[in-house]
Amino acid sequence: MAKIRYLSLIRDLTGVDGEELDVKKETKVSEFIGLLRKKYPKLDEWIESGETVIVLVDGSPKGEEDVIGEANEIAVIPPVSGGGVKYIGEPNPAEIIEKIKATAKGDVGAIALFLGIVKGEVDGKSVKRLEYITYEPYSSKSIEQIAGDIRRKHGIAGIEIIHAAGARYPGDYTIAIAISARSRREAIKALSEAIEKIKEEALIWKLEVREDGEYWILGDGRRVPRKIFEATSNNR
């Protein structure tokens, strides 16, 4: 029996956080998705509309032709929305500056800092809160990979990333990224790329709760109203 987890809006589509299923090790990912589509009509409607899902087998993303193998845990997730972490916790500016200052040695001449905050208004509607959903330890691993890629590509001296999890409210910090480098241009260029990669690749999802409803934020700011998943499969 394999342990199956459903995250973010996939949880809304199935109506459950997870379950155990008898999945044969030679089953292809495409076949596994087909089984879920038969079991969960709302998930089937979602995929039929042209949307996609990602399947992680023990934390590693798999293609449709890959086999499940001896999986301990399978996670079904929507496309990532970004907003990831090297360490999950409180994005404290003073703390991250102290950490990055420890790397400011030798020819380091610049530190660039980015702080993300929760907007109080989106599309003319007031925002009540953002909820960040993580899948540990894989969320942290995805950010560690991004940080390593940035360090190697740009040859920077140091990079620190801290991201919040759970509920955050307007004005709260959501993420802090700090980079040390030889010059301001190198630091700012690496910081800009780090922000975009985290937004696009990190295994963290956002639920935006506003005065006009709740929205899953996918990809580059695309908002999917949660209310479309409220009807149960029995009402199909």
Protein backbone atom coordinates (compact mmCIF):
# COMPACT_ATOMS: atom_id res chain seq x y z
CA MET A 1 0.00 0.00 0.00
CA ALA A 2 1.31 3.43 -0.92
CA LYS A 3 0.55 6.55 1.10
CA ILE A 4 -1.02 9.21 -1.11
CA ARG A 5 -1.08 12.90 -0.21
CA TYR A 6 -3.17 15.59 -1.89
CA LEU A 7 -1.96 19.18 -1.49
CA SER A 8 -3.30 22.66 -2.17
CA LEU A 9 -6.26 22.80 -4.56
CA ILE A 10 -5.88 19.07 -5.35
CA ARG A 11 -7.07 18.50 -1.78
CA ASP A 12 -10.18 20.53 -2.61
CA LEU A 13 -10.79 18.49 -5.74
CA THR A 14 -10.56 15.13 -3.96
CA GLY A 15 -12.08 16.23 -0.69
CA VAL A 16 -9.43 14.42 1.36
CA ASP A 17 -5.92 15.18 2.60
CA GLY A 18 -4.67 11.73 1.74
CA GLU A 19 -5.27 8.00 1.75
CA GLU A 20 -3.61 4.65 1.21
CA LEU A 21 -4.00 2.92 -2.14
CA ASP A 22 -2.80 -0.38 -3.51
CA VAL A 23 -0.60 0.86 -6.37
CA LYS A 24 1.49 -1.76 -8.18
CA LYS A 25 5.14 -0.82 -8.56
CA GLU A 26 5.00 -1.24 -12.36
CA THR A 27 2.15 1.27 -12.64
CA LYS A 28 2.99 4.26 -14.84
CA VAL A 29 2.33 7.76 -13.56
CA SER A 30 -0.18 8.30 -16.38
CA GLU A 31 -2.04 5.18 -15.27
CA PHE A 32 -2.00 6.33 -11.66
CA ILE A 33 -3.47 9.69 -12.66
CA GLY A 34 -6.11 7.82 -14.67
CA LEU A 35 -7.11 5.87 -11.56
CA LEU A 36 -7.48 9.08 -9.59
CA ARG A 37 -9.55 10.67 -12.35
CA LYS A 38 -11.99 7.76 -12.20
CA LYS A 39 -12.19 7.96 -8.42
CA TYR A 40 -12.53 11.75 -8.18
CA PRO A 41 -14.83 13.34 -10.79
CA LYS A 42 -13.90 16.90 -9.84
CA LEU A 43 -10.23 16.10 -10.40
CA ASP A 44 -11.19 14.58 -13.75
CA GLU A 45 -13.05 17.78 -14.70
CA TRP A 46 -10.01 19.86 -13.71
CA ILE A 47 -7.64 17.86 -15.89
CA GLU A 48 -10.17 17.58 -18.72
CA SER A 49 -10.34 21.40 -18.82
CA GLY A 50 -6.65 21.45 -19.78
CA GLU A 51 -5.08 21.87 -16.35
CA THR A 52 -2.17 19.75 -15.17
CA VAL A 53 -1.08 17.99 -12.01
CA ILE A 54 2.38 17.05 -10.78
CA VAL A 55 3.13 13.68 -9.19
CA LEU A 56 5.99 13.41 -6.71
CA VAL A 57 7.21 9.94 -5.81
CA ASP A 58 9.09 10.10 -2.52
CA GLY A 59 9.71 13.77 -3.20
CA SER A 60 10.92 13.48 -6.81
CA PRO A 61 8.76 14.74 -9.70
CA LYS A 62 7.93 12.05 -12.25
CA GLY A 63 6.89 12.13 -15.90
CA GLU A 64 3.83 10.35 -17.23
CA GLU A 65 5.86 7.42 -18.59
CA ASP A 66 7.80 6.89 -15.36
CA VAL A 67 6.74 4.00 -13.12
CA ILE A 68 5.73 4.35 -9.49
CA GLY A 69 8.25 1.77 -8.27
CA GLU A 70 8.64 0.97 -4.59
CA ALA A 71 7.05 4.24 -3.46
CA ASN A 72 6.61 4.99 0.22
CA GLU A 73 4.71 8.19 -0.44
CA ILE A 74 3.13 9.74 -3.50
CA ALA A 75 2.08 13.40 -3.54
CA VAL A 76 -0.29 14.90 -6.09
CA ILE A 77 0.13 18.64 -6.40
CA PRO A 78 -0.85 21.51 -8.71
CA PRO A 79 1.75 23.50 -10.65
CA VAL A 80 3.89 25.39 -8.16
CA SER A 81 3.23 29.01 -7.33
CA GLY A 82 6.55 29.69 -5.87
CA GLY A 83 7.50 31.52 -2.76
CA GLY A 84 9.94 29.02 -1.39
CA VAL A 85 12.38 28.60 1.44
CA LYS A 86 15.85 27.60 2.39
CA TYR A 87 14.67 27.60 5.97
CA ILE A 88 11.03 27.86 6.95
CA GLY A 89 10.40 30.30 9.75
CA GLU A 90 9.92 33.96 10.50
CA PRO A 91 11.41 36.19 7.74
CA ASN A 92 13.15 38.52 10.17
CA PRO A 93 15.17 41.22 8.34
CA ALA A 94 17.62 41.74 11.19
CA GLU A 95 18.26 38.01 11.48
CA ILE A 96 18.89 37.42 7.79
CA ILE A 97 21.17 40.47 7.55
CA GLU A 98 23.29 39.11 10.39
CA LYS A 99 23.51 35.74 8.64
CA ILE A 100 24.55 37.20 5.29
CA LYS A 101 27.07 39.57 6.92
CA ALA A 102 28.98 36.49 8.06
CA THR A 103 29.72 35.78 4.37
CA ALA A 104 30.89 39.35 3.66
CA LYS A 105 34.63 38.68 3.62
CA GLY A 106 37.50 39.21 1.22
CA ASP A 107 36.43 41.15 -1.86
CA VAL A 108 32.71 41.26 -0.98
CA GLY A 109 31.47 44.81 -1.38
CA ALA A 110 27.68 44.56 -1.52
CA ILE A 111 24.68 42.97 0.17
CA ALA A 112 21.29 42.98 -1.58
CA LEU A 113 18.12 42.32 0.42
CA PHE A 114 14.58 41.52 -0.73
CA LEU A 115 11.56 41.46 1.59
CA GLY A 116 8.17 40.27 0.42
CA ILE A 117 5.02 41.37 2.24
CA VAL A 118 1.34 40.52 2.05
CA LYS A 119 -0.60 43.03 -0.02
CA GLY A 120 -3.61 44.64 1.61
CA GLU A 121 -5.47 44.92 -1.69
CA VAL A 122 -5.58 42.92 -4.94
CA ASP A 123 -7.77 43.77 -7.95
CA GLY A 124 -9.55 46.39 -5.85
CA LYS A 125 -10.50 43.84 -3.17
CA SER A 126 -9.15 43.83 0.36
CA VAL A 127 -6.98 40.87 1.33
CA LYS A 128 -7.65 39.21 4.67
CA ARG A 129 -4.68 36.84 4.68
CA LEU A 130 -2.40 34.57 2.66
CA GLU A 131 -1.95 30.93 3.60
CA TYR A 132 1.31 29.26 2.58
CA ILE A 133 1.20 25.47 2.25
CA THR A 134 4.44 23.53 2.40
CA TYR A 135 5.37 19.89 1.84
CA GLU A 136 8.36 19.12 3.99
CA PRO A 137 11.13 18.21 3.66
CA TYR A 138 10.68 18.66 -0.10
CA SER A 139 9.76 22.35 0.05
CA SER A 140 13.04 23.12 1.78
CA LYS A 141 14.98 20.87 -0.58
CA SER A 142 13.58 22.69 -3.62
CA ILE A 143 14.82 26.01 -2.25
CA GLU A 144 18.20 24.62 -1.32
CA GLN A 145 18.54 23.51 -4.95
CA ILE A 146 17.62 26.99 -6.18
CA ALA A 147 20.09 28.62 -3.80
CA GLY A 148 22.84 26.29 -4.98
CA ASP A 149 22.07 27.03 -8.63
CA ILE A 150 22.21 30.79 -8.00
CA ARG A 151 25.48 30.50 -6.11
CA ARG A 152 27.15 28.44 -8.83
CA LYS A 153 25.87 30.51 -11.75
CA HIS A 154 26.72 33.94 -10.35
CA GLY A 155 29.72 33.11 -8.19
CA ILE A 156 28.27 35.03 -5.26
CA ALA A 157 29.74 34.85 -1.77
CA GLY A 158 26.55 33.98 0.06
CA ILE A 159 22.78 33.54 -0.17
CA GLU A 160 20.23 33.28 2.62
CA ILE A 161 16.51 32.60 2.19
CA ILE A 162 13.81 32.44 4.85
CA HIS A 163 10.12 31.97 4.06
CA ALA A 164 7.02 31.98 6.20
CA ALA A 165 4.56 29.09 6.37
CA GLY A 166 0.93 29.12 7.42
CA ALA A 167 -1.23 32.23 7.70
CA ARG A 168 0.20 35.69 7.04
CA TYR A 169 -1.68 38.97 7.16
CA PRO A 170 -1.45 42.29 5.28
CA GLY A 171 1.87 43.93 6.04
CA ASP A 172 3.46 40.71 7.35
CA TYR A 173 6.75 39.59 5.87
CA THR A 174 6.41 36.51 3.66
CA ILE A 175 9.96 35.99 2.46
CA ALA A 176 13.42 37.41 3.01
CA ILE A 177 16.31 36.86 0.59
CA ALA A 178 19.80 38.24 1.10
CA ILE A 179 22.79 37.94 -1.23
CA SER A 180 26.41 39.02 -0.77
CA ALA A 181 28.67 39.60 -3.78
CA ARG A 182 31.68 41.55 -5.00
CA SER A 183 29.64 44.40 -6.46
CA ARG A 184 26.13 45.81 -6.29
CA ARG A 185 25.43 44.81 -9.89
CA GLU A 186 26.33 41.17 -9.22
CA ALA A 187 24.31 41.14 -6.00
CA ILE A 188 21.22 42.72 -7.56
CA LYS A 189 21.34 40.51 -10.66
CA ALA A 190 21.61 37.33 -8.58
CA LEU A 191 18.87 38.52 -6.24
CA SER A 192 16.49 39.23 -9.11
CA GLU A 193 17.01 35.77 -10.57
CA ALA A 194 16.61 34.13 -7.15
CA ILE A 195 13.24 35.84 -6.66
CA GLU A 196 11.94 34.63 -10.03
CA LYS A 197 13.21 31.06 -9.60
CA ILE A 198 11.62 30.78 -6.17
CA LYS A 199 8.37 32.13 -7.56
CA GLU A 200 8.35 29.63 -10.44
CA GLU A 201 9.99 26.50 -9.03
CA ALA A 202 9.64 26.23 -5.26
CA LEU A 203 7.29 23.59 -3.83
CA ILE A 204 5.12 26.02 -1.91
CA TRP A 205 1.53 27.04 -2.64
CA LYS A 206 -0.53 30.10 -1.78
CA LEU A 207 -4.19 30.50 -0.88
CA GLU A 208 -5.35 34.11 -0.97
CA VAL A 209 -8.31 34.93 1.26
CA ARG A 210 -10.05 38.15 0.18
CA GLU A 211 -13.29 39.95 0.85
CA ASP A 212 -14.73 38.42 -2.35
CA GLY A 213 -13.64 34.83 -1.72
CA GLU A 214 -10.64 32.51 -1.68
CA TYR A 215 -8.19 32.01 -4.54
CA TRP A 216 -5.42 29.51 -5.19
CA ILE A 217 -2.48 31.36 -6.72
CA LEU A 218 -0.80 29.34 -9.45
CA GLY A 219 2.20 30.01 -11.67
CA ASP A 220 2.90 33.66 -12.32
CA GLY A 221 0.08 35.15 -10.27
CA ARG A 222 -2.82 33.26 -11.89
CA ARG A 223 -5.74 33.09 -9.46
CA VAL A 224 -8.20 30.19 -9.43
CA PRO A 225 -11.38 30.77 -7.35
CA ARG A 226 -11.70 28.10 -4.69
CA LYS A 227 -15.48 28.22 -4.94
CA ILE A 228 -15.38 26.27 -8.22
CA PHE A 229 -14.35 23.23 -6.20
CA GLU A 230 -17.06 23.58 -3.53
CA ALA A 231 -19.63 21.43 -5.31
CA THR A 232 -19.16 17.80 -4.42
CA SER A 233 -18.71 15.09 -7.00
CA ASN A 234 -22.16 13.80 -6.02
CA ASN A 235 -23.69 16.90 -7.56
CA ARG A 236 -22.03 16.40 -10.91
